[in-house]
């Protein structure tokens, strides 16, 4: 699926204007769908500024059962923004003009290696300041699917703490299975130690579990780094948890339960691949 937002690189204003006019001509020509049914209304163009334009096209009106029951008209909305010599594209989404306009007003051009000095979201070539930056109870959680073989999942959570009780409730709990085994499963810790990341004195925990799944077996490895955070005061720091997970499957029982698979025939090591990414994530973490 295409991302709803894309950085298209450096571009002159003249080239941007030519691109806008070409896209507008294309959308004006869209009068019927792929089944030759006419759209409910023509394409529209909204010029927020000379350098920020929103198009809406392919308008349809849903019918909920006859006259008087027609639904609200819907269309594909896309946006184009030129700012400080850079071009940004908000790709087509249903009825998203209000959200695109809001994002355009908040977008700041950012060099790829620049570290923001305020709360917000970093994206390719850009930064979106958080409109709720003054909220004392800020919580940010996101997950990233990493395209690898097998795929990996990264989860990151940061929470601004308001009380010791909140801090205690966020502490990760180690699974009970890590300290036992059965005929169809085995789990064990691979690493459990204190580790400082970006100046934060946290704890690193890596574990693995192998379990029989249907007619095969699955080994899941999970790496977690956790900083409990600090409550109150001008120098208070947020709770932070980062987790990286991967699952290995096989038809036969693995040679090593609750551990990384052996290197394949080409000599590639699953453990080296996973741990290399994990180390890069921790070493690349920075406080804003």
Foldseek 3Di string as FASTA:
>chain_A
DDDQKDWPFFDDLVVLVVVVVVVVVVQQPPQADPVRHGAPDGKDKDPPDSFKIKIWHRKHWDAPDDPPRIHDIKTWMKMWGDDPRTIMIRGTDIPCVVVSVVQRVQKDFDDPPDDDPFDFDDDVRITGHDPVRVPQWDKDWDKDWAPDVVIKIKIKIWTRDADVVVLVVPDDDDDPQQVDADPFKHKHWPDWAWDAFQNATWIKTKMWMWGADVQWIKIKIKIKIWGSWAHDDPPTGITMMMMMMDMDIDNDDAPDGTDFGQADPVRDGPVCVVVVVVVCVRHPDHDD
